[in-house]
Amino acid sequence: MTPVDWLGTVAGILTTIAYLPQVIKVWRSRSTRDVSMGMYAVLSAGITCWLAYGWILSIWPVIIANAVTLLLVGAVIAMKLRWG
């Protein structure tokens, strides 16, 4: 991998794991009162676009990072719908 690939991979890992504390907090507390569904809906749309972009250009760090991020964001949305 080139240095640019490493940079993209590290950026993808960091931005993806940034959502993990929110998922854990919502799961443990079963409270989504302070979670904005609008924000998460727009975020999901943006992540989906990034995922498509990565897929079209075959950029694996973008594909993997956004696929995992979409799962984490989707988990928060699902909990918001269930416990909201």
C-alpha atoms as a PDB file:
ATOM      1  CA  MET A   1       0.000   0.000   0.000  1.00  0.00           C
ATOM      2  CA  THR A   2       1.130   3.506  -0.750  1.00  0.00           C
ATOM      3  CA  PRO A   3       1.349   6.208   1.917  1.00  0.00           C
ATOM      4  CA  VAL A   4      -1.830   7.737   0.503  1.00  0.00           C
ATOM      5  CA  ASP A   5      -3.613   4.377   0.879  1.00  0.00           C
ATOM      6  CA  TRP A   6      -2.437   4.183   4.486  1.00  0.00           C
ATOM      7  CA  LEU A   7      -3.693   7.700   5.128  1.00  0.00           C
ATOM      8  CA  GLY A   8      -7.100   6.800   3.699  1.00  0.00           C
ATOM      9  CA  THR A   9      -7.218   3.622   5.744  1.00  0.00           C
ATOM     10  CA  VAL A  10      -6.350   5.403   9.001  1.00  0.00           C
ATOM     11  CA  ALA A  11      -8.877   8.155   8.243  1.00  0.00           C
ATOM     12  CA  GLY A  12     -11.543   5.536   7.544  1.00  0.00           C
ATOM     13  CA  ILE A  13     -10.817   3.658  10.767  1.00  0.00           C
ATOM     14  CA  LEU A  14     -10.889   6.809  12.888  1.00  0.00           C
ATOM     15  CA  THR A  15     -14.093   8.217  11.397  1.00  0.00           C
ATOM     16  CA  THR A  16     -15.783   4.823  11.611  1.00  0.00           C
ATOM     17  CA  ILE A  17     -14.932   4.100  15.241  1.00  0.00           C
ATOM     18  CA  ALA A  18     -16.067   7.620  16.144  1.00  0.00           C
ATOM     19  CA  TYR A  19     -19.659   6.289  15.977  1.00  0.00           C
ATOM     20  CA  LEU A  20     -19.005   3.359  18.294  1.00  0.00           C
ATOM     21  CA  PRO A  21     -19.405   5.317  21.569  1.00  0.00           C
ATOM     22  CA  GLN A  22     -22.849   6.547  20.430  1.00  0.00           C
ATOM     23  CA  VAL A  23     -23.969   3.026  19.535  1.00  0.00           C
ATOM     24  CA  ILE A  24     -22.747   1.690  22.890  1.00  0.00           C
ATOM     25  CA  LYS A  25     -24.356   4.537  24.860  1.00  0.00           C
ATOM     26  CA  VAL A  26     -27.740   4.119  23.169  1.00  0.00           C
ATOM     27  CA  TRP A  27     -27.602   0.329  23.539  1.00  0.00           C
ATOM     28  CA  ARG A  28     -26.760   0.465  27.246  1.00  0.00           C
ATOM     29  CA  SER A  29     -29.199   3.220  28.187  1.00  0.00           C
ATOM     30  CA  ARG A  30     -32.011   2.194  25.816  1.00  0.00           C
ATOM     31  CA  SER A  31     -32.590   5.928  25.471  1.00  0.00           C
ATOM     32  CA  THR A  32     -32.606   7.742  22.148  1.00  0.00           C
ATOM     33  CA  ARG A  33     -34.329  10.895  23.359  1.00  0.00           C
ATOM     34  CA  ASP A  34     -31.380  13.129  22.492  1.00  0.00           C
ATOM     35  CA  VAL A  35     -30.617  11.454  19.154  1.00  0.00           C
ATOM     36  CA  SER A  36     -31.649  13.510  16.141  1.00  0.00           C
ATOM     37  CA  MET A  37     -33.354  11.310  13.553  1.00  0.00           C
ATOM     38  CA  GLY A  38     -32.983  14.063  10.955  1.00  0.00           C
ATOM     39  CA  MET A  39     -29.238  14.221  11.448  1.00  0.00           C
ATOM     40  CA  TYR A  40     -28.883  10.452  11.250  1.00  0.00           C
ATOM     41  CA  ALA A  41     -31.083  10.283   8.127  1.00  0.00           C
ATOM     42  CA  VAL A  42     -28.961  12.873   6.317  1.00  0.00           C
ATOM     43  CA  LEU A  43     -25.769  11.221   7.575  1.00  0.00           C
ATOM     44  CA  SER A  44     -26.964   7.840   6.260  1.00  0.00           C
ATOM     45  CA  ALA A  45     -27.651   9.341   2.854  1.00  0.00           C
ATOM     46  CA  GLY A  46     -24.175  10.871   2.768  1.00  0.00           C
ATOM     47  CA  ILE A  47     -22.501   7.636   3.852  1.00  0.00           C
ATOM     48  CA  THR A  48     -24.451   5.756   1.186  1.00  0.00           C
ATOM     49  CA  CYS A  49     -23.183   8.211  -1.431  1.00  0.00           C
ATOM     50  CA  TRP A  50     -19.588   7.778  -0.224  1.00  0.00           C
ATOM     51  CA  LEU A  51     -20.037   4.016  -0.333  1.00  0.00           C
ATOM     52  CA  ALA A  52     -21.311   4.205  -3.923  1.00  0.00           C
ATOM     53  CA  TYR A  53     -18.437   6.540  -4.845  1.00  0.00           C
ATOM     54  CA  GLY A  54     -15.898   4.109  -3.408  1.00  0.00           C
ATOM     55  CA  TRP A  55     -17.589   1.197  -5.140  1.00  0.00           C
ATOM     56  CA  ILE A  56     -17.629   2.930  -8.547  1.00  0.00           C
ATOM     57  CA  LEU A  57     -13.932   3.833  -8.274  1.00  0.00           C
ATOM     58  CA  SER A  58     -12.941   0.570  -6.490  1.00  0.00           C
ATOM     59  CA  ILE A  59     -11.364   2.427  -3.562  1.00  0.00           C
ATOM     60  CA  TRP A  60     -11.349  -0.249  -0.871  1.00  0.00           C
ATOM     61  CA  PRO A  61     -10.582   1.961   2.151  1.00  0.00           C
ATOM     62  CA  VAL A  62     -13.604   4.125   1.236  1.00  0.00           C
ATOM     63  CA  ILE A  63     -15.807   1.081   0.627  1.00  0.00           C
ATOM     64  CA  ILE A  64     -14.932  -0.732   3.848  1.00  0.00           C
ATOM     65  CA  ALA A  65     -14.983   2.328   6.103  1.00  0.00           C
ATOM     66  CA  ASN A  66     -18.340   3.523   4.813  1.00  0.00           C
ATOM     67  CA  ALA A  67     -19.913   0.059   4.841  1.00  0.00           C
ATOM     68  CA  VAL A  68     -19.002  -0.372   8.514  1.00  0.00           C
ATOM     69  CA  THR A  69     -20.033   3.203   9.328  1.00  0.00           C
ATOM     70  CA  LEU A  70     -23.382   2.640   7.628  1.00  0.00           C
ATOM     71  CA  LEU A  71     -23.934  -0.427   9.819  1.00  0.00           C
ATOM     72  CA  LEU A  72     -23.152   1.553  12.987  1.00  0.00           C
ATOM     73  CA  VAL A  73     -25.340   4.492  11.968  1.00  0.00           C
ATOM     74  CA  GLY A  74     -28.060   2.060  10.925  1.00  0.00           C
ATOM     75  CA  ALA A  75     -27.895   0.477  14.374  1.00  0.00           C
ATOM     76  CA  VAL A  76     -28.530   3.854  16.019  1.00  0.00           C
ATOM     77  CA  ILE A  77     -31.438   4.510  13.640  1.00  0.00           C
ATOM     78  CA  ALA A  78     -32.912   1.087  14.356  1.00  0.00           C
ATOM     79  CA  MET A  79     -32.658   1.684  18.113  1.00  0.00           C
ATOM     80  CA  LYS A  80     -34.188   5.136  17.692  1.00  0.00           C
ATOM     81  CA  LEU A  81     -37.137   3.609  15.832  1.00  0.00           C
ATOM     82  CA  ARG A  82     -37.506   0.851  18.411  1.00  0.00           C
ATOM     83  CA  TRP A  83     -37.035   2.817  21.624  1.00  0.00           C
ATOM     84  CA  GLY A  84     -37.627   6.380  20.380  1.00  0.00           C
END
